[in-house]
Amino acid sequence: MNRKMIRYARAVRLAGLAGLLGAGLGMTAGAAHAQGTQTLRFGVEASYPPFESKTPSGQLQGFDIDIGNAVCQRMQMKCVWVENSFDGLIAALEARKFDVINSAMNITDKRRQQIDFTPAVYVMPIQMVARRGSGLQPTPASLKGKQIGVLQGSTQEDYVRKHWATQGVSIVTYENQDQIFADLAAGRLDGAVQEVQTATDGFLSKPQGKDFDFAGAPLKDPATLGEGTGFGMRKNDAALKAKVDAALDSLRQDGTLTKLSMKYFGRDIVAK
C-alpha cells in the first residue's frame, strides 16, 4: 500500500470514528431529552402541614404531596419536588425552575392574571386563631391596634390587607407558617389567619397551641380568598395543563382524591 492509499485509509477510519462519536452523543442527548419529558417538577413550600411539610428525616409529606405523587403515577412520569418560598412560587414557575405549583395555592383572579390554574382540587376554610379567652373576633373593630400574622404572598394576606389593614390592624407577614405559630405562642402576635386544617394540625393540636382556639367564623371573600385550591401552571403550557387536568379528573372520578382527603382530614374536602 503506497503512502497515498495509507493516508486515504486513515482518513476513512477517522471519519468513521467521528460518525460513531457523533451518533453516540446524539443518542445521549436524545435519551436525556426523553428522560426530561418523563419528569414533572412540582414547586412547593414545605412548612404548611398537613398539606406539605417534612418528616424529622427531611422527607416531604402531606395531602398535596400525595396528590402530586398520584398525578405523576397516573401520567407515568417521575415526580421531582423543588422547594421554594411561598411568595416566590409564581416568579419561580415563570422562571421555569419547575413546571407546576402544588403548594396549597388558592385560585384567585389576581393570580390568574399571571398564571393558569387547574380546576379546583379541594376547598378549605380560612379562619383566625387567637388566645382562648381573649375575646377577639375577626373584625376591624375587634382587632384595631392588634398584630395579626399571615403567610407572606398568601390569599390570607390579600384578605387582611384589604379588610383590616386600612382600619388600624397591624399586619405582620412571615415566610413560613411555623414562624407565625412560634410568634403567636410567644405572645408577639395577637392572632393569625390561615387554613383551618393547618391551624389544627400545625398548632392547636400541639402543646404550644393548648391555650389557643379558633376565633369567630370562617372568613368569606371570593375576590381575595379565592374559589378553592388548584395547581398553578404557566399560561403557555396548555398541552401539559391538559394532561395534568385529565390526571386530576381521573383521580377525582375513581375516588383517589376522596380517599386521600379522608386519610388526612376525616372528611371529604375535594371540590366537586
C-alpha atoms as a PDB file:
ATOM      1  CA  MET A   1       0.000   0.000   0.000  1.00  0.00           C
ATOM      2  CA  ASN A   2       1.539   3.320  -1.043  1.00  0.00           C
ATOM      3  CA  ARG A   3       1.508   6.463   1.083  1.00  0.00           C
ATOM      4  CA  LYS A   4      -1.451   7.923  -0.756  1.00  0.00           C
ATOM      5  CA  MET A   5      -3.571   4.851  -0.052  1.00  0.00           C
ATOM      6  CA  ILE A   6      -2.444   4.763   3.577  1.00  0.00           C
ATOM      7  CA  ARG A   7      -3.484   8.383   4.068  1.00  0.00           C
ATOM      8  CA  TYR A   8      -6.852   7.630   2.442  1.00  0.00           C
ATOM      9  CA  ALA A   9      -7.498   4.612   4.671  1.00  0.00           C
ATOM     10  CA  ARG A  10      -6.571   6.581   7.767  1.00  0.00           C
ATOM     11  CA  ALA A  11      -8.979   9.380   6.754  1.00  0.00           C
ATOM     12  CA  VAL A  12     -11.797   6.862   6.301  1.00  0.00           C
ATOM     13  CA  ARG A  13     -11.164   5.369   9.760  1.00  0.00           C
ATOM     14  CA  LEU A  14     -11.151   8.821  11.392  1.00  0.00           C
ATOM     15  CA  ALA A  15     -14.331   9.813   9.613  1.00  0.00           C
ATOM     16  CA  GLY A  16     -15.997   6.613  10.757  1.00  0.00           C
ATOM     17  CA  LEU A  17     -14.884   7.187  14.340  1.00  0.00           C
ATOM     18  CA  ALA A  18     -16.189  10.748  14.270  1.00  0.00           C
ATOM     19  CA  GLY A  19     -19.508   9.494  12.937  1.00  0.00           C
ATOM     20  CA  LEU A  20     -19.790   6.941  15.719  1.00  0.00           C
ATOM     21  CA  LEU A  21     -18.946   9.560  18.349  1.00  0.00           C
ATOM     22  CA  GLY A  22     -21.484  11.944  16.880  1.00  0.00           C
ATOM     23  CA  ALA A  23     -24.143   9.255  16.816  1.00  0.00           C
ATOM     24  CA  GLY A  24     -23.314   8.344  20.407  1.00  0.00           C
ATOM     25  CA  LEU A  25     -23.598  11.945  21.521  1.00  0.00           C
ATOM     26  CA  GLY A  26     -26.842  12.290  19.629  1.00  0.00           C
ATOM     27  CA  MET A  27     -28.239   9.187  21.283  1.00  0.00           C
ATOM     28  CA  THR A  28     -27.154  10.503  24.709  1.00  0.00           C
ATOM     29  CA  ALA A  29     -28.796  13.864  24.081  1.00  0.00           C
ATOM     30  CA  GLY A  30     -31.894  12.149  22.764  1.00  0.00           C
ATOM     31  CA  ALA A  31     -32.057   9.880  25.801  1.00  0.00           C
ATOM     32  CA  ALA A  32     -31.616  12.874  28.120  1.00  0.00           C
ATOM     33  CA  HIS A  33     -34.402  14.690  26.303  1.00  0.00           C
ATOM     34  CA  ALA A  34     -36.659  11.656  26.502  1.00  0.00           C
ATOM     35  CA  GLN A  35     -35.895  11.322  30.198  1.00  0.00           C
ATOM     36  CA  GLY A  36     -36.615  15.010  30.721  1.00  0.00           C
ATOM     37  CA  THR A  37     -40.062  14.663  29.152  1.00  0.00           C
ATOM     38  CA  GLN A  38     -40.860  11.936  31.702  1.00  0.00           C
ATOM     39  CA  THR A  39     -40.222  14.245  34.673  1.00  0.00           C
ATOM     40  CA  LEU A  40     -42.832  16.506  36.270  1.00  0.00           C
ATOM     41  CA  ARG A  41     -41.330  19.135  38.564  1.00  0.00           C
ATOM     42  CA  PHE A  42     -43.546  20.430  41.380  1.00  0.00           C
ATOM     43  CA  GLY A  43     -42.817  23.675  43.237  1.00  0.00           C
ATOM     44  CA  VAL A  44     -43.648  23.516  46.954  1.00  0.00           C
ATOM     45  CA  GLU A  45     -43.145  25.459  50.190  1.00  0.00           C
ATOM     46  CA  ALA A  46     -42.924  22.635  52.715  1.00  0.00           C
ATOM     47  CA  SER A  47     -43.983  24.213  56.008  1.00  0.00           C
ATOM     48  CA  TYR A  48     -47.767  24.065  55.777  1.00  0.00           C
ATOM     49  CA  PRO A  49     -48.991  20.831  57.407  1.00  0.00           C
ATOM     50  CA  PRO A  50     -50.976  18.763  56.741  1.00  0.00           C
ATOM     51  CA  PHE A  51     -50.785  19.882  53.118  1.00  0.00           C
ATOM     52  CA  GLU A  52     -46.999  19.900  52.797  1.00  0.00           C
ATOM     53  CA  SER A  53     -44.294  19.527  55.434  1.00  0.00           C
ATOM     54  CA  LYS A  54     -41.245  17.424  56.258  1.00  0.00           C
ATOM     55  CA  THR A  55     -40.687  14.389  58.428  1.00  0.00           C
ATOM     56  CA  PRO A  56     -37.887  14.543  61.040  1.00  0.00           C
ATOM     57  CA  SER A  57     -35.667  12.815  58.473  1.00  0.00           C
ATOM     58  CA  GLY A  58     -36.370  15.536  55.890  1.00  0.00           C
ATOM     59  CA  GLN A  59     -38.804  13.644  53.654  1.00  0.00           C
ATOM     60  CA  LEU A  60     -41.723  15.543  52.137  1.00  0.00           C
ATOM     61  CA  GLN A  61     -45.157  14.530  53.359  1.00  0.00           C
ATOM     62  CA  GLY A  62     -48.745  15.749  53.261  1.00  0.00           C
ATOM     63  CA  PHE A  63     -52.014  15.869  51.354  1.00  0.00           C
ATOM     64  CA  ASP A  64     -50.642  17.875  48.424  1.00  0.00           C
ATOM     65  CA  ILE A  65     -47.544  15.672  48.247  1.00  0.00           C
ATOM     66  CA  ASP A  66     -49.686  12.526  47.999  1.00  0.00           C
ATOM     67  CA  ILE A  67     -51.873  14.144  45.336  1.00  0.00           C
ATOM     68  CA  GLY A  68     -48.811  15.173  43.337  1.00  0.00           C
ATOM     69  CA  ASN A  69     -47.334  11.684  43.514  1.00  0.00           C
ATOM     70  CA  ALA A  70     -50.672  10.199  42.422  1.00  0.00           C
ATOM     71  CA  VAL A  71     -50.788  12.594  39.451  1.00  0.00           C
ATOM     72  CA  CYS A  72     -47.271  11.567  38.398  1.00  0.00           C
ATOM     73  CA  GLN A  73     -48.171   7.900  38.688  1.00  0.00           C
ATOM     74  CA  ARG A  74     -51.329   8.399  36.606  1.00  0.00           C
ATOM     75  CA  MET A  75     -49.302  10.308  33.980  1.00  0.00           C
ATOM     76  CA  GLN A  76     -46.490   7.724  34.140  1.00  0.00           C
ATOM     77  CA  MET A  77     -43.977  10.444  34.952  1.00  0.00           C
ATOM     78  CA  LYS A  78     -41.375  10.874  37.676  1.00  0.00           C
ATOM     79  CA  CYS A  79     -42.126  13.448  40.378  1.00  0.00           C
ATOM     80  CA  VAL A  80     -39.402  15.926  41.272  1.00  0.00           C
ATOM     81  CA  TRP A  81     -40.069  18.330  44.151  1.00  0.00           C
ATOM     82  CA  VAL A  82     -38.441  21.774  44.152  1.00  0.00           C
ATOM     83  CA  GLU A  83     -38.680  23.733  47.410  1.00  0.00           C
ATOM     84  CA  ASN A  84     -39.259  27.489  47.232  1.00  0.00           C
ATOM     85  CA  SER A  85     -40.630  30.243  49.482  1.00  0.00           C
ATOM     86  CA  PHE A  86     -44.376  30.577  49.031  1.00  0.00           C
ATOM     87  CA  ASP A  87     -44.322  34.239  47.995  1.00  0.00           C
ATOM     88  CA  GLY A  88     -41.776  33.422  45.273  1.00  0.00           C
ATOM     89  CA  LEU A  89     -43.563  30.397  43.783  1.00  0.00           C
ATOM     90  CA  ILE A  90     -45.171  32.230  40.857  1.00  0.00           C
ATOM     91  CA  ALA A  91     -41.949  34.006  39.904  1.00  0.00           C
ATOM     92  CA  ALA A  92     -40.028  30.723  40.114  1.00  0.00           C
ATOM     93  CA  LEU A  93     -42.656  28.992  37.960  1.00  0.00           C
ATOM     94  CA  GLU A  94     -42.347  31.687  35.306  1.00  0.00           C
ATOM     95  CA  ALA A  95     -38.541  31.357  35.503  1.00  0.00           C
ATOM     96  CA  ARG A  96     -39.024  27.638  34.659  1.00  0.00           C
ATOM     97  CA  LYS A  97     -37.478  26.375  37.898  1.00  0.00           C
ATOM     98  CA  PHE A  98     -40.352  23.869  37.960  1.00  0.00           C
ATOM     99  CA  ASP A  99     -43.454  23.013  35.906  1.00  0.00           C
ATOM    100  CA  VAL A 100     -46.342  23.102  38.377  1.00  0.00           C
ATOM    101  CA  ILE A 101     -47.114  24.885  41.652  1.00  0.00           C
ATOM    102  CA  ASN A 102     -48.506  22.321  44.093  1.00  0.00           C
ATOM    103  CA  SER A 103     -48.470  24.082  47.446  1.00  0.00           C
ATOM    104  CA  ALA A 104     -51.977  24.797  48.791  1.00  0.00           C
ATOM    105  CA  MET A 105     -52.320  27.819  46.495  1.00  0.00           C
ATOM    106  CA  ASN A 106     -55.837  29.207  46.289  1.00  0.00           C
ATOM    107  CA  ILE A 107     -57.240  30.186  42.903  1.00  0.00           C
ATOM    108  CA  THR A 108     -57.879  33.934  42.679  1.00  0.00           C
ATOM    109  CA  ASP A 109     -58.458  36.448  39.879  1.00  0.00           C
ATOM    110  CA  LYS A 110     -55.268  38.260  40.902  1.00  0.00           C
ATOM    111  CA  ARG A 111     -53.161  35.143  40.422  1.00  0.00           C
ATOM    112  CA  ARG A 112     -54.980  34.257  37.196  1.00  0.00           C
ATOM    113  CA  GLN A 113     -53.572  37.425  35.693  1.00  0.00           C
ATOM    114  CA  GLN A 114     -50.123  35.809  35.855  1.00  0.00           C
ATOM    115  CA  ILE A 115     -50.665  32.054  35.621  1.00  0.00           C
ATOM    116  CA  ASP A 116     -53.241  29.406  34.749  1.00  0.00           C
ATOM    117  CA  PHE A 117     -54.828  27.002  37.203  1.00  0.00           C
ATOM    118  CA  THR A 118     -56.278  23.538  37.049  1.00  0.00           C
ATOM    119  CA  PRO A 119     -59.894  23.267  38.189  1.00  0.00           C
ATOM    120  CA  ALA A 120     -60.089  23.463  41.988  1.00  0.00           C
ATOM    121  CA  VAL A 121     -58.849  20.269  43.628  1.00  0.00           C
ATOM    122  CA  TYR A 122     -60.196  20.975  47.123  1.00  0.00           C
ATOM    123  CA  VAL A 123     -61.725  23.723  49.263  1.00  0.00           C
ATOM    124  CA  MET A 124     -60.551  24.526  52.805  1.00  0.00           C
ATOM    125  CA  PRO A 125     -61.993  27.277  55.067  1.00  0.00           C
ATOM    126  CA  ILE A 126     -59.789  30.175  56.244  1.00  0.00           C
ATOM    127  CA  GLN A 127     -60.080  31.137  59.934  1.00  0.00           C
ATOM    128  CA  MET A 128     -58.390  33.237  62.597  1.00  0.00           C
ATOM    129  CA  VAL A 129     -56.706  31.735  65.659  1.00  0.00           C
ATOM    130  CA  ALA A 130     -56.283  33.702  68.912  1.00  0.00           C
ATOM    131  CA  ARG A 131     -55.566  33.036  72.569  1.00  0.00           C
ATOM    132  CA  ARG A 132     -58.534  31.421  74.291  1.00  0.00           C
ATOM    133  CA  GLY A 133     -60.430  33.969  76.388  1.00  0.00           C
ATOM    134  CA  SER A 134     -59.033  36.983  74.515  1.00  0.00           C
ATOM    135  CA  GLY A 135     -62.472  37.826  73.170  1.00  0.00           C
ATOM    136  CA  LEU A 136     -61.002  38.757  69.794  1.00  0.00           C
ATOM    137  CA  GLN A 137     -63.181  38.439  66.702  1.00  0.00           C
ATOM    138  CA  PRO A 138     -62.145  38.622  63.008  1.00  0.00           C
ATOM    139  CA  THR A 139     -63.418  42.172  62.565  1.00  0.00           C
ATOM    140  CA  PRO A 140     -61.577  45.506  62.219  1.00  0.00           C
ATOM    141  CA  ALA A 141     -63.277  46.878  65.326  1.00  0.00           C
ATOM    142  CA  SER A 142     -62.166  43.958  67.479  1.00  0.00           C
ATOM    143  CA  LEU A 143     -58.625  43.862  66.073  1.00  0.00           C
ATOM    144  CA  LYS A 144     -57.793  47.557  65.954  1.00  0.00           C
ATOM    145  CA  GLY A 145     -54.289  48.055  67.352  1.00  0.00           C
ATOM    146  CA  LYS A 146     -53.627  44.308  67.394  1.00  0.00           C
ATOM    147  CA  GLN A 147     -50.946  42.378  65.491  1.00  0.00           C
ATOM    148  CA  ILE A 148     -52.124  39.638  63.152  1.00  0.00           C
ATOM    149  CA  GLY A 149     -49.749  37.195  61.444  1.00  0.00           C
ATOM    150  CA  VAL A 150     -50.201  35.819  57.928  1.00  0.00           C
ATOM    151  CA  LEU A 151     -48.138  33.901  55.416  1.00  0.00           C
ATOM    152  CA  GLN A 152     -46.381  36.232  53.010  1.00  0.00           C
ATOM    153  CA  GLY A 153     -47.854  36.116  49.489  1.00  0.00           C
ATOM    154  CA  SER A 154     -50.930  34.142  50.590  1.00  0.00           C
ATOM    155  CA  THR A 155     -54.603  34.848  49.945  1.00  0.00           C
ATOM    156  CA  GLN A 156     -54.884  35.413  53.682  1.00  0.00           C
ATOM    157  CA  GLU A 157     -52.514  38.352  53.315  1.00  0.00           C
ATOM    158  CA  ASP A 158     -54.650  39.765  50.483  1.00  0.00           C
ATOM    159  CA  TYR A 159     -57.754  39.450  52.668  1.00  0.00           C
ATOM    160  CA  VAL A 160     -56.379  41.110  55.801  1.00  0.00           C
ATOM    161  CA  ARG A 161     -54.740  43.925  53.847  1.00  0.00           C
ATOM    162  CA  LYS A 162     -57.979  44.654  52.038  1.00  0.00           C
ATOM    163  CA  HIS A 163     -60.354  44.388  55.007  1.00  0.00           C
ATOM    164  CA  TRP A 164     -58.276  45.066  58.141  1.00  0.00           C
ATOM    165  CA  ALA A 165     -55.020  46.929  57.452  1.00  0.00           C
ATOM    166  CA  THR A 166     -56.794  50.139  56.465  1.00  0.00           C
ATOM    167  CA  GLN A 167     -58.799  50.012  59.726  1.00  0.00           C
ATOM    168  CA  GLY A 168     -55.888  50.184  62.160  1.00  0.00           C
ATOM    169  CA  VAL A 169     -54.972  46.491  62.334  1.00  0.00           C
ATOM    170  CA  SER A 170     -51.228  45.759  62.177  1.00  0.00           C
ATOM    171  CA  ILE A 171     -50.423  43.013  59.662  1.00  0.00           C
ATOM    172  CA  VAL A 172     -47.200  41.022  60.139  1.00  0.00           C
ATOM    173  CA  THR A 173     -46.096  38.764  57.279  1.00  0.00           C
ATOM    174  CA  TYR A 174     -43.879  35.675  57.526  1.00  0.00           C
ATOM    175  CA  GLU A 175     -42.028  33.465  55.063  1.00  0.00           C
ATOM    176  CA  ASN A 176     -43.389  30.263  56.587  1.00  0.00           C
ATOM    177  CA  GLN A 177     -46.256  29.167  58.797  1.00  0.00           C
ATOM    178  CA  ASP A 178     -44.081  27.707  61.561  1.00  0.00           C
ATOM    179  CA  GLN A 179     -42.711  31.178  62.334  1.00  0.00           C
ATOM    180  CA  ILE A 180     -46.251  32.506  62.677  1.00  0.00           C
ATOM    181  CA  PHE A 181     -47.222  29.837  65.193  1.00  0.00           C
ATOM    182  CA  ALA A 182     -43.987  30.361  67.156  1.00  0.00           C
ATOM    183  CA  ASP A 183     -44.639  34.108  67.497  1.00  0.00           C
ATOM    184  CA  LEU A 184     -48.299  33.515  68.326  1.00  0.00           C
ATOM    185  CA  ALA A 185     -47.353  31.148  71.159  1.00  0.00           C
ATOM    186  CA  ALA A 186     -44.680  33.591  72.397  1.00  0.00           C
ATOM    187  CA  GLY A 187     -47.201  36.440  72.588  1.00  0.00           C
ATOM    188  CA  ARG A 188     -45.632  38.503  69.800  1.00  0.00           C
ATOM    189  CA  LEU A 189     -48.865  38.177  67.813  1.00  0.00           C
ATOM    190  CA  ASP A 190     -52.465  38.609  68.912  1.00  0.00           C
ATOM    191  CA  GLY A 191     -53.843  36.337  66.208  1.00  0.00           C
ATOM    192  CA  ALA A 192     -53.073  34.501  62.983  1.00  0.00           C
ATOM    193  CA  VAL A 193     -55.080  33.784  59.844  1.00  0.00           C
ATOM    194  CA  GLN A 194     -54.616  30.519  57.934  1.00  0.00           C
ATOM    195  CA  GLU A 195     -56.444  27.472  56.596  1.00  0.00           C
ATOM    196  CA  VAL A 196     -58.404  25.594  59.259  1.00  0.00           C
ATOM    197  CA  GLN A 197     -56.623  22.269  58.919  1.00  0.00           C
ATOM    198  CA  THR A 198     -53.193  23.889  59.007  1.00  0.00           C
ATOM    199  CA  ALA A 199     -54.082  25.604  62.277  1.00  0.00           C
ATOM    200  CA  THR A 200     -55.486  22.381  63.719  1.00  0.00           C
ATOM    201  CA  ASP A 201     -52.636  20.075  62.770  1.00  0.00           C
ATOM    202  CA  GLY A 202     -49.754  22.540  62.920  1.00  0.00           C
ATOM    203  CA  PHE A 203     -50.637  24.390  66.120  1.00  0.00           C
ATOM    204  CA  LEU A 204     -53.880  23.778  68.024  1.00  0.00           C
ATOM    205  CA  SER A 205     -53.270  20.039  68.433  1.00  0.00           C
ATOM    206  CA  LYS A 206     -49.737  20.598  69.770  1.00  0.00           C
ATOM    207  CA  PRO A 207     -48.572  21.637  73.257  1.00  0.00           C
ATOM    208  CA  GLN A 208     -47.659  25.165  72.139  1.00  0.00           C
ATOM    209  CA  GLY A 209     -51.244  25.725  70.974  1.00  0.00           C
ATOM    210  CA  LYS A 210     -53.039  24.462  74.074  1.00  0.00           C
ATOM    211  CA  ASP A 211     -54.125  27.946  75.152  1.00  0.00           C
ATOM    212  CA  PHE A 212     -55.455  28.934  71.710  1.00  0.00           C
ATOM    213  CA  ASP A 213     -58.547  28.294  69.628  1.00  0.00           C
ATOM    214  CA  PHE A 214     -60.406  29.473  66.534  1.00  0.00           C
ATOM    215  CA  ALA A 215     -61.854  32.944  66.947  1.00  0.00           C
ATOM    216  CA  GLY A 216     -65.058  33.707  65.073  1.00  0.00           C
ATOM    217  CA  ALA A 217     -66.455  32.195  61.900  1.00  0.00           C
ATOM    218  CA  PRO A 218     -64.505  31.314  58.730  1.00  0.00           C
ATOM    219  CA  LEU A 219     -63.648  34.326  56.582  1.00  0.00           C
ATOM    220  CA  LYS A 220     -65.572  34.937  53.364  1.00  0.00           C
ATOM    221  CA  ASP A 221     -64.438  36.888  50.297  1.00  0.00           C
ATOM    222  CA  PRO A 222     -64.060  35.083  46.928  1.00  0.00           C
ATOM    223  CA  ALA A 223     -62.196  38.075  45.474  1.00  0.00           C
ATOM    224  CA  THR A 224     -59.224  37.627  47.817  1.00  0.00           C
ATOM    225  CA  LEU A 225     -59.591  34.135  49.313  1.00  0.00           C
ATOM    226  CA  GLY A 226     -60.424  32.512  46.002  1.00  0.00           C
ATOM    227  CA  GLU A 227     -62.577  29.608  44.927  1.00  0.00           C
ATOM    228  CA  GLY A 228     -60.584  26.647  46.146  1.00  0.00           C
ATOM    229  CA  THR A 229     -57.073  25.255  45.760  1.00  0.00           C
ATOM    230  CA  GLY A 230     -55.568  24.105  42.463  1.00  0.00           C
ATOM    231  CA  PHE A 231     -52.278  23.519  40.686  1.00  0.00           C
ATOM    232  CA  GLY A 232     -50.694  26.635  39.155  1.00  0.00           C
ATOM    233  CA  MET A 233     -49.122  26.432  35.681  1.00  0.00           C
ATOM    234  CA  ARG A 234     -47.584  28.719  33.071  1.00  0.00           C
ATOM    235  CA  LYS A 235     -50.053  30.215  30.595  1.00  0.00           C
ATOM    236  CA  ASN A 236     -48.133  28.870  27.588  1.00  0.00           C
ATOM    237  CA  ASP A 237     -48.088  25.271  28.869  1.00  0.00           C
ATOM    238  CA  ALA A 238     -51.536  24.368  27.532  1.00  0.00           C
ATOM    239  CA  ALA A 239     -50.574  20.846  26.436  1.00  0.00           C
ATOM    240  CA  LEU A 240     -49.097  19.944  29.840  1.00  0.00           C
ATOM    241  CA  LYS A 241     -52.051  21.555  31.626  1.00  0.00           C
ATOM    242  CA  ALA A 242     -54.483  19.407  29.638  1.00  0.00           C
ATOM    243  CA  LYS A 243     -52.618  16.253  30.730  1.00  0.00           C
ATOM    244  CA  VAL A 244     -52.496  17.340  34.383  1.00  0.00           C
ATOM    245  CA  ASP A 245     -56.195  18.291  34.291  1.00  0.00           C
ATOM    246  CA  ALA A 246     -57.026  14.860  32.877  1.00  0.00           C
ATOM    247  CA  ALA A 247     -54.975  13.092  35.553  1.00  0.00           C
ATOM    248  CA  LEU A 248     -56.640  15.048  38.349  1.00  0.00           C
ATOM    249  CA  ASP A 249     -60.099  14.368  36.885  1.00  0.00           C
ATOM    250  CA  SER A 250     -59.294  10.657  36.710  1.00  0.00           C
ATOM    251  CA  LEU A 251     -58.193  10.679  40.355  1.00  0.00           C
ATOM    252  CA  ARG A 252     -61.397  12.510  41.285  1.00  0.00           C
ATOM    253  CA  GLN A 253     -63.624  10.111  39.349  1.00  0.00           C
ATOM    254  CA  ASP A 254     -62.101   6.904  40.755  1.00  0.00           C
ATOM    255  CA  GLY A 255     -62.252   8.175  44.348  1.00  0.00           C
ATOM    256  CA  THR A 256     -58.498   8.517  44.922  1.00  0.00           C
ATOM    257  CA  LEU A 257     -58.732  12.184  45.934  1.00  0.00           C
ATOM    258  CA  THR A 258     -61.571  11.471  48.351  1.00  0.00           C
ATOM    259  CA  LYS A 259     -59.593   8.606  49.936  1.00  0.00           C
ATOM    260  CA  LEU A 260     -56.620  10.916  50.456  1.00  0.00           C
ATOM    261  CA  SER A 261     -58.921  13.583  51.924  1.00  0.00           C
ATOM    262  CA  MET A 262     -60.373  11.088  54.398  1.00  0.00           C
ATOM    263  CA  LYS A 263     -56.833   9.986  55.330  1.00  0.00           C
ATOM    264  CA  TYR A 264     -55.735  13.493  56.275  1.00  0.00           C
ATOM    265  CA  PHE A 265     -58.939  15.229  57.384  1.00  0.00           C
ATOM    266  CA  GLY A 266     -61.526  12.559  58.178  1.00  0.00           C
ATOM    267  CA  ARG A 267     -63.879  14.272  55.727  1.00  0.00           C
ATOM    268  CA  ASP A 268     -64.192  14.938  52.028  1.00  0.00           C
ATOM    269  CA  ILE A 269     -62.893  18.392  51.056  1.00  0.00           C
ATOM    270  CA  VAL A 270     -62.493  17.553  47.355  1.00  0.00           C
ATOM    271  CA  ALA A 271     -64.045  20.164  45.039  1.00  0.00           C
ATOM    272  CA  LYS A 272     -66.996  18.720  43.123  1.00  0.00           C
END
